[in-house]
Amino acid sequence: MAKKIKGYRPETPIERPQGAAPAPPPVPEKAEPEPIEDLSGLPNRDLLRVHEVAAYLLKAESTIRLWIDNGYFITEKFRGSLWVTKQSVIDFRLKNRVNP
Protein backbone atom coordinates (compact mmCIF):
# COMPACT_ATOMS: atom_id res chain seq x y z
CA MET A 1 0.00 0.00 0.00
CA ALA A 2 1.31 3.46 -0.91
CA LYS A 3 2.16 5.90 1.88
CA LYS A 4 0.13 9.06 2.01
CA ILE A 5 1.88 12.41 2.08
CA LYS A 6 -0.08 15.15 3.78
CA GLY A 7 -1.33 17.69 1.24
CA TYR A 8 -0.10 15.69 -1.78
CA ARG A 9 -2.62 14.17 -4.14
CA PRO A 10 -1.07 12.42 -7.13
CA GLU A 11 -3.22 12.00 -10.21
CA THR A 12 -2.64 8.24 -10.14
CA PRO A 13 -1.55 6.37 -7.03
CA ILE A 14 2.03 5.14 -7.15
CA GLU A 15 2.76 1.79 -5.57
CA ARG A 16 6.10 1.73 -3.77
CA PRO A 17 7.74 -1.17 -2.00
CA GLN A 18 7.77 -1.08 1.80
CA GLY A 19 10.63 1.01 3.20
CA ALA A 20 11.10 3.14 0.06
CA ALA A 21 11.21 6.89 0.51
CA PRO A 22 8.06 8.71 -0.63
CA ALA A 23 8.31 10.74 -3.79
CA PRO A 24 8.42 14.50 -3.21
CA PRO A 25 5.52 16.54 -4.54
CA PRO A 26 6.03 17.97 -8.03
CA VAL A 27 7.70 21.37 -8.13
CA PRO A 28 5.70 23.99 -10.03
CA GLU A 29 7.51 25.55 -12.96
CA LYS A 30 8.83 29.05 -12.39
CA ALA A 31 7.09 31.73 -14.35
CA GLU A 32 9.42 33.52 -16.71
CA PRO A 33 9.89 37.18 -15.78
CA GLU A 34 8.61 39.71 -18.26
CA PRO A 35 11.42 40.66 -20.63
CA ILE A 36 12.56 44.19 -19.93
CA GLU A 37 13.08 44.87 -23.62
CA ASP A 38 9.34 44.45 -24.20
CA LEU A 39 8.23 48.05 -24.51
CA SER A 40 5.13 47.29 -26.53
CA GLY A 41 2.96 49.39 -24.21
CA LEU A 42 4.95 52.57 -24.86
CA PRO A 43 4.20 54.78 -27.85
CA ASN A 44 6.98 55.08 -30.41
CA ARG A 45 7.90 58.67 -29.44
CA ASP A 46 10.67 60.24 -27.39
CA LEU A 47 8.28 62.28 -25.23
CA LEU A 48 5.21 60.85 -23.50
CA ARG A 49 2.22 62.44 -21.79
CA VAL A 50 1.67 61.81 -18.09
CA HIS A 51 -1.46 59.74 -18.75
CA GLU A 52 0.50 57.50 -21.18
CA VAL A 53 3.17 56.84 -18.55
CA ALA A 54 0.46 56.14 -15.98
CA ALA A 55 -1.24 53.65 -18.28
CA TYR A 56 2.07 51.94 -19.08
CA LEU A 57 3.10 51.60 -15.40
CA LEU A 58 -0.49 50.81 -14.28
CA LYS A 59 -0.49 53.72 -11.82
CA ALA A 60 -2.68 56.76 -11.31
CA GLU A 61 -1.75 60.04 -12.99
CA SER A 62 -1.45 61.64 -9.56
CA THR A 63 1.17 59.03 -8.61
CA ILE A 64 3.18 59.76 -11.76
CA ARG A 65 3.00 63.52 -11.03
CA LEU A 66 4.21 62.86 -7.47
CA TRP A 67 7.11 60.80 -8.82
CA ILE A 68 7.91 63.62 -11.27
CA ASP A 69 7.99 66.09 -8.34
CA ASN A 70 10.35 63.69 -6.49
CA GLY A 71 12.69 63.52 -9.50
CA TYR A 72 12.07 59.96 -10.68
CA PHE A 73 11.39 61.08 -14.27
CA ILE A 74 12.95 63.66 -16.57
CA THR A 75 10.29 65.99 -17.93
CA GLU A 76 9.90 68.87 -20.34
CA LYS A 77 7.18 71.47 -20.35
CA PHE A 78 5.88 72.47 -23.75
CA ARG A 79 2.94 74.83 -24.30
CA GLY A 80 1.66 74.21 -20.79
CA SER A 81 1.77 70.40 -21.05
CA LEU A 82 4.12 68.19 -19.09
CA TRP A 83 6.00 65.59 -21.17
CA VAL A 84 8.07 62.71 -19.77
CA THR A 85 11.09 61.40 -21.68
CA LYS A 86 10.72 57.82 -22.84
CA GLN A 87 14.27 57.02 -21.71
CA SER A 88 13.51 58.11 -18.13
CA VAL A 89 10.50 55.74 -18.06
CA ILE A 90 12.68 52.86 -19.29
CA ASP A 91 15.41 53.73 -16.76
CA PHE A 92 12.81 53.89 -13.97
CA ARG A 93 11.47 50.48 -14.94
CA LEU A 94 14.98 48.95 -15.05
CA LYS A 95 15.97 50.50 -11.72
CA ASN A 96 12.85 49.27 -9.90
CA ARG A 97 12.71 45.67 -11.12
CA VAL A 98 11.70 43.14 -8.48
CA ASN A 99 13.89 40.30 -9.84
CA PRO A 100 16.91 41.97 -11.46
PDB file of N, CA and C in Angstrom:
ATOM      1  N   MET A   1       0.848  -1.178   0.000  1.00  0.00           N
ATOM      2  CA  MET A   1       0.000   0.000   0.000  1.00  0.00           C
ATOM      3  C   MET A   1       0.894   1.241   0.000  1.00  0.00           C
ATOM      4  N   ALA A   2       0.524   2.240  -0.783  1.00  0.00           N
ATOM      5  CA  ALA A   2       1.311   3.457  -0.913  1.00  0.00           C
ATOM      6  C   ALA A   2       1.137   4.324   0.327  1.00  0.00           C
ATOM      7  N   LYS A   3       2.230   4.986   0.739  1.00  0.00           N
ATOM      8  CA  LYS A   3       2.160   5.898   1.876  1.00  0.00           C
ATOM      9  C   LYS A   3       1.500   7.189   1.427  1.00  0.00           C
ATOM     10  N   LYS A   4       0.772   7.800   2.322  1.00  0.00           N
ATOM     11  CA  LYS A   4       0.127   9.062   2.011  1.00  0.00           C
ATOM     12  C   LYS A   4       0.981  10.207   2.528  1.00  0.00           C
ATOM     13  N   ILE A   5       1.157  11.202   1.693  1.00  0.00           N
ATOM     14  CA  ILE A   5       1.878  12.407   2.079  1.00  0.00           C
ATOM     15  C   ILE A   5       0.834  13.489   2.294  1.00  0.00           C
ATOM     16  N   LYS A   6       0.901  14.140   3.441  1.00  0.00           N
ATOM     17  CA  LYS A   6      -0.084  15.152   3.785  1.00  0.00           C
ATOM     18  C   LYS A   6      -0.061  16.287   2.754  1.00  0.00           C
ATOM     19  N   GLY A   7      -1.212  16.597   2.182  1.00  0.00           N
ATOM     20  CA  GLY A   7      -1.332  17.692   1.237  1.00  0.00           C
ATOM     21  C   GLY A   7      -0.930  17.335  -0.185  1.00  0.00           C
ATOM     22  N   TYR A   8      -0.532  16.088  -0.443  1.00  0.00           N
ATOM     23  CA  TYR A   8      -0.100  15.687  -1.777  1.00  0.00           C
ATOM     24  C   TYR A   8      -1.101  14.703  -2.341  1.00  0.00           C
ATOM     25  N   ARG A   9      -1.647  15.038  -3.496  1.00  0.00           N
ATOM     26  CA  ARG A   9      -2.619  14.173  -4.143  1.00  0.00           C
ATOM     27  C   ARG A   9      -2.147  13.876  -5.567  1.00  0.00           C
ATOM     28  N   PRO A  10      -1.494  12.743  -5.769  1.00  0.00           N
ATOM     29  CA  PRO A  10      -1.065  12.417  -7.131  1.00  0.00           C
ATOM     30  C   PRO A  10      -2.270  12.101  -8.001  1.00  0.00           C
ATOM     31  N   GLU A  11      -2.121  12.289  -9.298  1.00  0.00           N
ATOM     32  CA  GLU A  11      -3.219  12.000 -10.211  1.00  0.00           C
ATOM     33  C   GLU A  11      -3.514  10.503 -10.221  1.00  0.00           C
ATOM     34  N   THR A  12      -2.474   9.691 -10.228  1.00  0.00           N
ATOM     35  CA  THR A  12      -2.645   8.244 -10.144  1.00  0.00           C
ATOM     36  C   THR A  12      -1.801   7.756  -8.980  1.00  0.00           C
ATOM     37  N   PRO A  13      -2.333   6.850  -8.172  1.00  0.00           N
ATOM     38  CA  PRO A  13      -1.546   6.371  -7.033  1.00  0.00           C
ATOM     39  C   PRO A  13      -0.318   5.603  -7.515  1.00  0.00           C
ATOM     40  N   ILE A  14       0.782   5.795  -6.822  1.00  0.00           N
ATOM     41  CA  ILE A  14       2.031   5.136  -7.152  1.00  0.00           C
ATOM     42  C   ILE A  14       2.305   4.094  -6.081  1.00  0.00           C
ATOM     43  N   GLU A  15       2.439   2.865  -6.504  1.00  0.00           N
ATOM     44  CA  GLU A  15       2.756   1.788  -5.575  1.00  0.00           C
ATOM     45  C   GLU A  15       4.260   1.749  -5.361  1.00  0.00           C
ATOM     46  N   ARG A  16       4.678   1.780  -4.109  1.00  0.00           N
ATOM     47  CA  ARG A  16       6.097   1.725  -3.775  1.00  0.00           C
ATOM     48  C   ARG A  16       6.314   0.557  -2.820  1.00  0.00           C
ATOM     49  N   PRO A  17       7.460  -0.092  -2.937  1.00  0.00           N
ATOM     50  CA  PRO A  17       7.745  -1.169  -1.999  1.00  0.00           C
ATOM     51  C   PRO A  17       7.886  -0.626  -0.586  1.00  0.00           C
ATOM     52  N   GLN A  18       7.638  -1.486   0.393  1.00  0.00           N
ATOM     53  CA  GLN A  18       7.766  -1.084   1.799  1.00  0.00           C
ATOM     54  C   GLN A  18       9.186  -0.583   2.074  1.00  0.00           C
ATOM     55  N   GLY A  19       9.331   0.486   2.815  1.00  0.00           N
ATOM     56  CA  GLY A  19      10.631   1.012   3.195  1.00  0.00           C
ATOM     57  C   GLY A  19      11.210   2.003   2.202  1.00  0.00           C
ATOM     58  N   ALA A  20      10.593   2.175   1.042  1.00  0.00           N
ATOM     59  CA  ALA A  20      11.103   3.136   0.061  1.00  0.00           C
ATOM     60  C   ALA A  20      10.673   4.545   0.475  1.00  0.00           C
ATOM     61  N   ALA A  21      11.509   5.509   0.170  1.00  0.00           N
ATOM     62  CA  ALA A  21      11.208   6.894   0.509  1.00  0.00           C
ATOM     63  C   ALA A  21      10.073   7.401  -0.375  1.00  0.00           C
ATOM     64  N   PRO A  22       9.151   8.188   0.201  1.00  0.00           N
ATOM     65  CA  PRO A  22       8.056   8.710  -0.626  1.00  0.00           C
ATOM     66  C   PRO A  22       8.577   9.734  -1.628  1.00  0.00           C
ATOM     67  N   ALA A  23       7.928   9.779  -2.757  1.00  0.00           N
ATOM     68  CA  ALA A  23       8.313  10.742  -3.791  1.00  0.00           C
ATOM     69  C   ALA A  23       7.923  12.145  -3.343  1.00  0.00           C
ATOM     70  N   PRO A  24       8.783  13.121  -3.574  1.00  0.00           N
ATOM     71  CA  PRO A  24       8.416  14.495  -3.207  1.00  0.00           C
ATOM     72  C   PRO A  24       7.334  15.019  -4.140  1.00  0.00           C
ATOM     73  N   PRO A  25       6.562  15.987  -3.677  1.00  0.00           N
ATOM     74  CA  PRO A  25       5.523  16.543  -4.543  1.00  0.00           C
ATOM     75  C   PRO A  25       6.170  17.250  -5.739  1.00  0.00           C
ATOM     76  N   PRO A  26       5.456  17.313  -6.850  1.00  0.00           N
ATOM     77  CA  PRO A  26       6.030  17.967  -8.028  1.00  0.00           C
ATOM     78  C   PRO A  26       6.266  19.451  -7.763  1.00  0.00           C
ATOM     79  N   VAL A  27       7.347  19.969  -8.298  1.00  0.00           N
ATOM     80  CA  VAL A  27       7.704  21.373  -8.132  1.00  0.00           C
ATOM     81  C   VAL A  27       7.070  22.162  -9.271  1.00  0.00           C
ATOM     82  N   PRO A  28       6.298  23.201  -8.952  1.00  0.00           N
ATOM     83  CA  PRO A  28       5.702  23.989 -10.033  1.00  0.00           C
ATOM     84  C   PRO A  28       6.786  24.722 -10.811  1.00  0.00           C
ATOM     85  N   GLU A  29       6.547  24.853 -12.117  1.00  0.00           N
ATOM     86  CA  GLU A  29       7.515  25.554 -12.964  1.00  0.00           C
ATOM     87  C   GLU A  29       7.516  27.035 -12.614  1.00  0.00           C
ATOM     88  N   LYS A  30       8.717  27.623 -12.649  1.00  0.00           N
ATOM     89  CA  LYS A  30       8.830  29.049 -12.386  1.00  0.00           C
ATOM     90  C   LYS A  30       8.294  29.824 -13.585  1.00  0.00           C
ATOM     91  N   ALA A  31       7.564  30.869 -13.282  1.00  0.00           N
ATOM     92  CA  ALA A  31       7.085  31.731 -14.354  1.00  0.00           C
ATOM     93  C   ALA A  31       8.246  32.583 -14.842  1.00  0.00           C
ATOM     94  N   GLU A  32       8.355  32.705 -16.133  1.00  0.00           N
ATOM     95  CA  GLU A  32       9.420  33.516 -16.707  1.00  0.00           C
ATOM     96  C   GLU A  32       9.127  34.987 -16.431  1.00  0.00           C
ATOM     97  N   PRO A  33      10.133  35.756 -15.983  1.00  0.00           N
ATOM     98  CA  PRO A  33       9.894  37.180 -15.782  1.00  0.00           C
ATOM     99  C   PRO A  33       9.665  37.877 -17.114  1.00  0.00           C
ATOM    100  N   GLU A  34       8.906  38.947 -17.046  1.00  0.00           N
ATOM    101  CA  GLU A  34       8.612  39.707 -18.256  1.00  0.00           C
ATOM    102  C   GLU A  34       9.911  40.291 -18.811  1.00  0.00           C
ATOM    103  N   PRO A  35      10.178  40.101 -20.087  1.00  0.00           N
ATOM    104  CA  PRO A  35      11.423  40.663 -20.634  1.00  0.00           C
ATOM    105  C   PRO A  35      11.401  42.180 -20.569  1.00  0.00           C
ATOM    106  N   ILE A  36      12.493  42.743 -20.115  1.00  0.00           N
ATOM    107  CA  ILE A  36      12.562  44.189 -19.925  1.00  0.00           C
ATOM    108  C   ILE A  36      12.613  44.930 -21.263  1.00  0.00           C
ATOM    109  N   GLU A  37      13.011  44.231 -22.315  1.00  0.00           N
ATOM    110  CA  GLU A  37      13.085  44.870 -23.620  1.00  0.00           C
ATOM    111  C   GLU A  37      11.701  45.019 -24.247  1.00  0.00           C
ATOM    112  N   ASP A  38      10.691  44.376 -23.666  1.00  0.00           N
ATOM    113  CA  ASP A  38       9.343  44.450 -24.205  1.00  0.00           C
ATOM    114  C   ASP A  38       8.729  45.793 -23.829  1.00  0.00           C
ATOM    115  N   LEU A  39       8.767  46.712 -24.760  1.00  0.00           N
ATOM    116  CA  LEU A  39       8.228  48.048 -24.507  1.00  0.00           C
ATOM    117  C   LEU A  39       6.997  48.278 -25.368  1.00  0.00           C
ATOM    118  N   SER A  40       6.254  47.201 -25.613  1.00  0.00           N
ATOM    119  CA  SER A  40       5.127  47.290 -26.533  1.00  0.00           C
ATOM    120  C   SER A  40       4.036  48.238 -26.034  1.00  0.00           C
ATOM    121  N   GLY A  41       3.984  48.503 -24.736  1.00  0.00           N
ATOM    122  CA  GLY A  41       2.963  49.388 -24.210  1.00  0.00           C
ATOM    123  C   GLY A  41       3.298  50.862 -24.353  1.00  0.00           C
ATOM    124  N   LEU A  42       4.542  51.172 -24.717  1.00  0.00           N
ATOM    125  CA  LEU A  42       4.946  52.568 -24.859  1.00  0.00           C
ATOM    126  C   LEU A  42       4.779  53.031 -26.301  1.00  0.00           C
ATOM    127  N   PRO A  43       4.262  54.238 -26.493  1.00  0.00           N
ATOM    128  CA  PRO A  43       4.196  54.781 -27.848  1.00  0.00           C
ATOM    129  C   PRO A  43       5.597  54.971 -28.430  1.00  0.00           C
ATOM    130  N   ASN A  44       5.694  54.955 -29.729  1.00  0.00           N
ATOM    131  CA  ASN A  44       6.979  55.076 -30.413  1.00  0.00           C
ATOM    132  C   ASN A  44       7.346  56.555 -30.589  1.00  0.00           C
ATOM    133  N   ARG A  45       7.503  57.257 -29.444  1.00  0.00           N
ATOM    134  CA  ARG A  45       7.903  58.669 -29.444  1.00  0.00           C
ATOM    135  C   ARG A  45       8.909  58.882 -28.330  1.00  0.00           C
ATOM    136  N   ASP A  46       9.685  59.952 -28.421  1.00  0.00           N
ATOM    137  CA  ASP A  46      10.674  60.239 -27.387  1.00  0.00           C
ATOM    138  C   ASP A  46      10.059  60.904 -26.162  1.00  0.00           C
ATOM    139  N   LEU A  47       8.955  61.615 -26.342  1.00  0.00           N
ATOM    140  CA  LEU A  47       8.280  62.283 -25.228  1.00  0.00           C
ATOM    141  C   LEU A  47       6.883  61.714 -25.055  1.00  0.00           C
ATOM    142  N   LEU A  48       6.498  61.461 -23.804  1.00  0.00           N
ATOM    143  CA  LEU A  48       5.208  60.846 -23.498  1.00  0.00           C
ATOM    144  C   LEU A  48       4.408  61.738 -22.561  1.00  0.00           C
ATOM    145  N   ARG A  49       3.096  61.712 -22.702  1.00  0.00           N
ATOM    146  CA  ARG A  49       2.221  62.444 -21.792  1.00  0.00           C
ATOM    147  C   ARG A  49       2.128  61.689 -20.468  1.00  0.00           C
ATOM    148  N   VAL A  50       1.752  62.404 -19.425  1.00  0.00           N
ATOM    149  CA  VAL A  50       1.668  61.808 -18.094  1.00  0.00           C
ATOM    150  C   VAL A  50       0.663  60.653 -18.078  1.00  0.00           C
ATOM    151  N   HIS A  51      -0.456  60.806 -18.754  1.00  0.00           N
ATOM    152  CA  HIS A  51      -1.459  59.737 -18.754  1.00  0.00           C
ATOM    153  C   HIS A  51      -0.954  58.499 -19.494  1.00  0.00           C
ATOM    154  N   GLU A  52      -0.075  58.661 -20.482  1.00  0.00           N
ATOM    155  CA  GLU A  52       0.498  57.504 -21.178  1.00  0.00           C
ATOM    156  C   GLU A  52       1.461  56.735 -20.269  1.00  0.00           C
ATOM    157  N   VAL A  53       2.258  57.480 -19.505  1.00  0.00           N
ATOM    158  CA  VAL A  53       3.174  56.845 -18.554  1.00  0.00           C
ATOM    159  C   VAL A  53       2.376  56.119 -17.473  1.00  0.00           C
ATOM    160  N   ALA A  54       1.303  56.748 -17.002  1.00  0.00           N
ATOM    161  CA  ALA A  54       0.457  56.142 -15.977  1.00  0.00           C
ATOM    162  C   ALA A  54      -0.174  54.847 -16.487  1.00  0.00           C
ATOM    163  N   ALA A  55      -0.642  54.852 -17.710  1.00  0.00           N
ATOM    164  CA  ALA A  55      -1.241  53.649 -18.283  1.00  0.00           C
ATOM    165  C   ALA A  55      -0.197  52.557 -18.457  1.00  0.00           C
ATOM    166  N   TYR A  56       1.001  52.917 -18.866  1.00  0.00           N
ATOM    167  CA  TYR A  56       2.066  51.940 -19.076  1.00  0.00           C
ATOM    168  C   TYR A  56       2.510  51.304 -17.760  1.00  0.00           C
ATOM    169  N   LEU A  57       2.637  52.106 -16.699  1.00  0.00           N
ATOM    170  CA  LEU A  57       3.096  51.597 -15.404  1.00  0.00           C
ATOM    171  C   LEU A  57       1.946  51.130 -14.509  1.00  0.00           C
ATOM    172  N   LEU A  58       0.712  51.223 -15.022  1.00  0.00           N
ATOM    173  CA  LEU A  58      -0.486  50.814 -14.276  1.00  0.00           C
ATOM    174  C   LEU A  58      -0.596  51.557 -12.946  1.00  0.00           C
ATOM    175  N   LYS A  59      -0.380  52.848 -12.996  1.00  0.00           N
ATOM    176  CA  LYS A  59      -0.491  53.716 -11.822  1.00  0.00           C
ATOM    177  C   LYS A  59      -1.421  54.875 -12.144  1.00  0.00           C
ATOM    178  N   ALA A  60      -1.829  55.584 -11.118  1.00  0.00           N
ATOM    179  CA  ALA A  60      -2.676  56.760 -11.305  1.00  0.00           C
ATOM    180  C   ALA A  60      -1.830  57.937 -11.798  1.00  0.00           C
ATOM    181  N   GLU A  61      -2.459  58.847 -12.522  1.00  0.00           N
ATOM    182  CA  GLU A  61      -1.749  60.040 -12.994  1.00  0.00           C
ATOM    183  C   GLU A  61      -1.187  60.838 -11.825  1.00  0.00           C
ATOM    184  N   SER A  62      -1.929  60.882 -10.716  1.00  0.00           N
ATOM    185  CA  SER A  62      -1.451  61.637  -9.558  1.00  0.00           C
ATOM    186  C   SER A  62      -0.167  61.017  -8.996  1.00  0.00           C
ATOM    187  N   THR A  63      -0.050  59.696  -9.061  1.00  0.00           N
ATOM    188  CA  THR A  63       1.175  59.026  -8.605  1.00  0.00           C
ATOM    189  C   THR A  63       2.338  59.396  -9.502  1.00  0.00           C
ATOM    190  N   ILE A  64       2.110  59.402 -10.811  1.00  0.00           N
ATOM    191  CA  ILE A  64       3.176  59.762 -11.756  1.00  0.00           C
ATOM    192  C   ILE A  64       3.611  61.211 -11.522  1.00  0.00           C
ATOM    193  N   ARG A  65       2.651  62.108 -11.288  1.00  0.00           N
ATOM    194  CA  ARG A  65       3.005  63.516 -11.032  1.00  0.00           C
ATOM    195  C   ARG A  65       3.802  63.655  -9.726  1.00  0.00           C
ATOM    196  N   LEU A  66       3.457  62.856  -8.730  1.00  0.00           N
ATOM    197  CA  LEU A  66       4.208  62.862  -7.474  1.00  0.00           C
ATOM    198  C   LEU A  66       5.636  62.388  -7.713  1.00  0.00           C
ATOM    199  N   TRP A  67       5.779  61.313  -8.503  1.00  0.00           N
ATOM    200  CA  TRP A  67       7.111  60.797  -8.821  1.00  0.00           C
ATOM    201  C   TRP A  67       7.905  61.804  -9.643  1.00  0.00           C
ATOM    202  N   ILE A  68       7.233  62.562 -10.501  1.00  0.00           N
ATOM    203  CA  ILE A  68       7.911  63.619 -11.266  1.00  0.00           C
ATOM    204  C   ILE A  68       8.422  64.686 -10.303  1.00  0.00           C
ATOM    205  N   ASP A  69       7.587  65.094  -9.338  1.00  0.00           N
ATOM    206  CA  ASP A  69       7.995  66.087  -8.340  1.00  0.00           C
ATOM    207  C   ASP A  69       9.176  65.596  -7.505  1.00  0.00           C
ATOM    208  N   ASN A  70       9.258  64.269  -7.273  1.00  0.00           N
ATOM    209  CA  ASN A  70      10.351  63.694  -6.494  1.00  0.00           C
ATOM    210  C   ASN A  70      11.582  63.376  -7.343  1.00  0.00           C
ATOM    211  N   GLY A  71      11.519  63.663  -8.645  1.00  0.00           N
ATOM    212  CA  GLY A  71      12.688  63.515  -9.501  1.00  0.00           C
ATOM    213  C   GLY A  71      12.917  62.148 -10.101  1.00  0.00           C
ATOM    214  N   TYR A  72      11.903  61.293 -10.109  1.00  0.00           N
ATOM    215  CA  TYR A  72      12.072  59.960 -10.683  1.00  0.00           C
ATOM    216  C   TYR A  72      12.076  59.971 -12.213  1.00  0.00           C
ATOM    217  N   PHE A  73      11.470  60.980 -12.816  1.00  0.00           N
ATOM    218  CA  PHE A  73      11.390  61.083 -14.268  1.00  0.00           C
ATOM    219  C   PHE A  73      11.942  62.427 -14.736  1.00  0.00           C
ATOM    220  N   ILE A  74      12.500  62.426 -15.936  1.00  0.00           N
ATOM    221  CA  ILE A  74      12.954  63.662 -16.569  1.00  0.00           C
ATOM    222  C   ILE A  74      11.792  64.177 -17.411  1.00  0.00           C
ATOM    223  N   THR A  75      11.447  65.436 -17.227  1.00  0.00           N
ATOM    224  CA  THR A  75      10.291  65.988 -17.926  1.00  0.00           C
ATOM    225  C   THR A  75      10.671  67.256 -18.678  1.00  0.00           C
ATOM    226  N   GLU A  76       9.803  67.610 -19.609  1.00  0.00           N
ATOM    227  CA  GLU A  76       9.899  68.871 -20.337  1.00  0.00           C
ATOM    228  C   GLU A  76       8.506  69.481 -20.355  1.00  0.00           C
ATOM    229  N   LYS A  77       8.464  70.786 -20.278  1.00  0.00           N
ATOM    230  CA  LYS A  77       7.180  71.468 -20.346  1.00  0.00           C
ATOM    231  C   LYS A  77       7.104  72.178 -21.693  1.00  0.00           C
ATOM    232  N   PHE A  78       6.049  71.896 -22.424  1.00  0.00           N
ATOM    233  CA  PHE A  78       5.879  72.474 -23.752  1.00  0.00           C
ATOM    234  C   PHE A  78       4.441  72.927 -23.903  1.00  0.00           C
ATOM    235  N   ARG A  79       4.259  74.227 -24.135  1.00  0.00           N
ATOM    236  CA  ARG A  79       2.936  74.828 -24.300  1.00  0.00           C
ATOM    237  C   ARG A  79       1.970  74.459 -23.172  1.00  0.00           C
ATOM    238  N   GLY A  80       2.490  74.458 -21.957  1.00  0.00           N
ATOM    239  CA  GLY A  80       1.658  74.207 -20.791  1.00  0.00           C
ATOM    240  C   GLY A  80       1.434  72.740 -20.469  1.00  0.00           C
ATOM    241  N   SER A  81       1.935  71.835 -21.301  1.00  0.00           N
ATOM    242  CA  SER A  81       1.772  70.401 -21.046  1.00  0.00           C
ATOM    243  C   SER A  81       3.077  69.807 -20.548  1.00  0.00           C
ATOM    244  N   LEU A  82       2.963  68.866 -19.656  1.00  0.00           N
ATOM    245  CA  LEU A  82       4.122  68.189 -19.094  1.00  0.00           C
ATOM    246  C   LEU A  82       4.382  66.915 -19.892  1.00  0.00           C
ATOM    247  N   TRP A  83       5.611  66.749 -20.379  1.00  0.00           N
ATOM    248  CA  TRP A  83       5.999  65.594 -21.174  1.00  0.00           C
ATOM    249  C   TRP A  83       7.132  64.868 -20.460  1.00  0.00           C
ATOM    250  N   VAL A  84       7.062  63.545 -20.432  1.00  0.00           N
ATOM    251  CA  VAL A  84       8.066  62.706 -19.769  1.00  0.00           C
ATOM    252  C   VAL A  84       8.912  62.053 -20.859  1.00  0.00           C
ATOM    253  N   THR A  85      10.242  62.040 -20.676  1.00  0.00           N
ATOM    254  CA  THR A  85      11.090  61.403 -21.676  1.00  0.00           C
ATOM    255  C   THR A  85      10.927  59.886 -21.594  1.00  0.00           C
ATOM    256  N   LYS A  86      10.884  59.271 -22.762  1.00  0.00           N
ATOM    257  CA  LYS A  86      10.716  57.818 -22.839  1.00  0.00           C
ATOM    258  C   LYS A  86      11.881  57.107 -22.151  1.00  0.00           C
ATOM    259  N   GLN A  87      13.090  57.648 -22.310  1.00  0.00           N
ATOM    260  CA  GLN A  87      14.268  57.017 -21.711  1.00  0.00           C
ATOM    261  C   GLN A  87      14.184  57.027 -20.186  1.00  0.00           C
ATOM    262  N   SER A  88      13.625  58.083 -19.594  1.00  0.00           N
ATOM    263  CA  SER A  88      13.508  58.111 -18.132  1.00  0.00           C
ATOM    264  C   SER A  88      12.504  57.075 -17.634  1.00  0.00           C
ATOM    265  N   VAL A  89      11.464  56.782 -18.428  1.00  0.00           N
ATOM    266  CA  VAL A  89      10.500  55.742 -18.064  1.00  0.00           C
ATOM    267  C   VAL A  89      11.177  54.371 -18.120  1.00  0.00           C
ATOM    268  N   ILE A  90      11.965  54.132 -19.161  1.00  0.00           N
ATOM    269  CA  ILE A  90      12.682  52.863 -19.294  1.00  0.00           C
ATOM    270  C   ILE A  90      13.687  52.710 -18.155  1.00  0.00           C
ATOM    271  N   ASP A  91      14.435  53.779 -17.857  1.00  0.00           N
ATOM    272  CA  ASP A  91      15.407  53.730 -16.760  1.00  0.00           C
ATOM    273  C   ASP A  91      14.723  53.467 -15.421  1.00  0.00           C
ATOM    274  N   PHE A  92      13.566  54.095 -15.198  1.00  0.00           N
ATOM    275  CA  PHE A  92      12.805  53.891 -13.972  1.00  0.00           C
ATOM    276  C   PHE A  92      12.383  52.439 -13.847  1.00  0.00           C
ATOM    277  N   ARG A  93      11.917  51.877 -14.952  1.00  0.00           N
ATOM    278  CA  ARG A  93      11.468  50.482 -14.937  1.00  0.00           C
ATOM    279  C   ARG A  93      12.643  49.537 -14.670  1.00  0.00           C
ATOM    280  N   LEU A  94      13.797  49.796 -15.275  1.00  0.00           N
ATOM    281  CA  LEU A  94      14.975  48.953 -15.051  1.00  0.00           C
ATOM    282  C   LEU A  94      15.455  49.064 -13.612  1.00  0.00           C
ATOM    283  N   LYS A  95      15.454  50.263 -13.082  1.00  0.00           N
ATOM    284  CA  LYS A  95      15.965  50.505 -11.723  1.00  0.00           C
ATOM    285  C   LYS A  95      15.080  49.857 -10.664  1.00  0.00           C
ATOM    286  N   ASN A  96      13.797  49.741 -10.908  1.00  0.00           N
ATOM    287  CA  ASN A  96      12.852  49.267  -9.903  1.00  0.00           C
ATOM    288  C   ASN A  96      12.318  47.867 -10.193  1.00  0.00           C
ATOM    289  N   ARG A  97      13.108  47.058 -10.868  1.00  0.00           N
ATOM    290  CA  ARG A  97      12.710  45.672 -11.118  1.00  0.00           C
ATOM    291  C   ARG A  97      12.706  44.880  -9.816  1.00  0.00           C
ATOM    292  N   VAL A  98      11.785  43.958  -9.692  1.00  0.00           N
ATOM    293  CA  VAL A  98      11.703  43.136  -8.480  1.00  0.00           C
ATOM    294  C   VAL A  98      12.756  42.034  -8.529  1.00  0.00           C
ATOM    295  N   ASN A  99      12.911  41.384  -9.670  1.00  0.00           N
ATOM    296  CA  ASN A  99      13.887  40.298  -9.837  1.00  0.00           C
ATOM    297  C   ASN A  99      14.924  40.709 -10.882  1.00  0.00           C
ATOM    298  N   PRO A 100      15.932  41.485 -10.465  1.00  0.00           N
ATOM    299  CA  PRO A 100      16.905  41.970 -11.464  1.00  0.00           C
ATOM    300  C   PRO A 100      17.754  40.880 -12.061  1.00  0.00           C
TER     301      PRO A 100
END
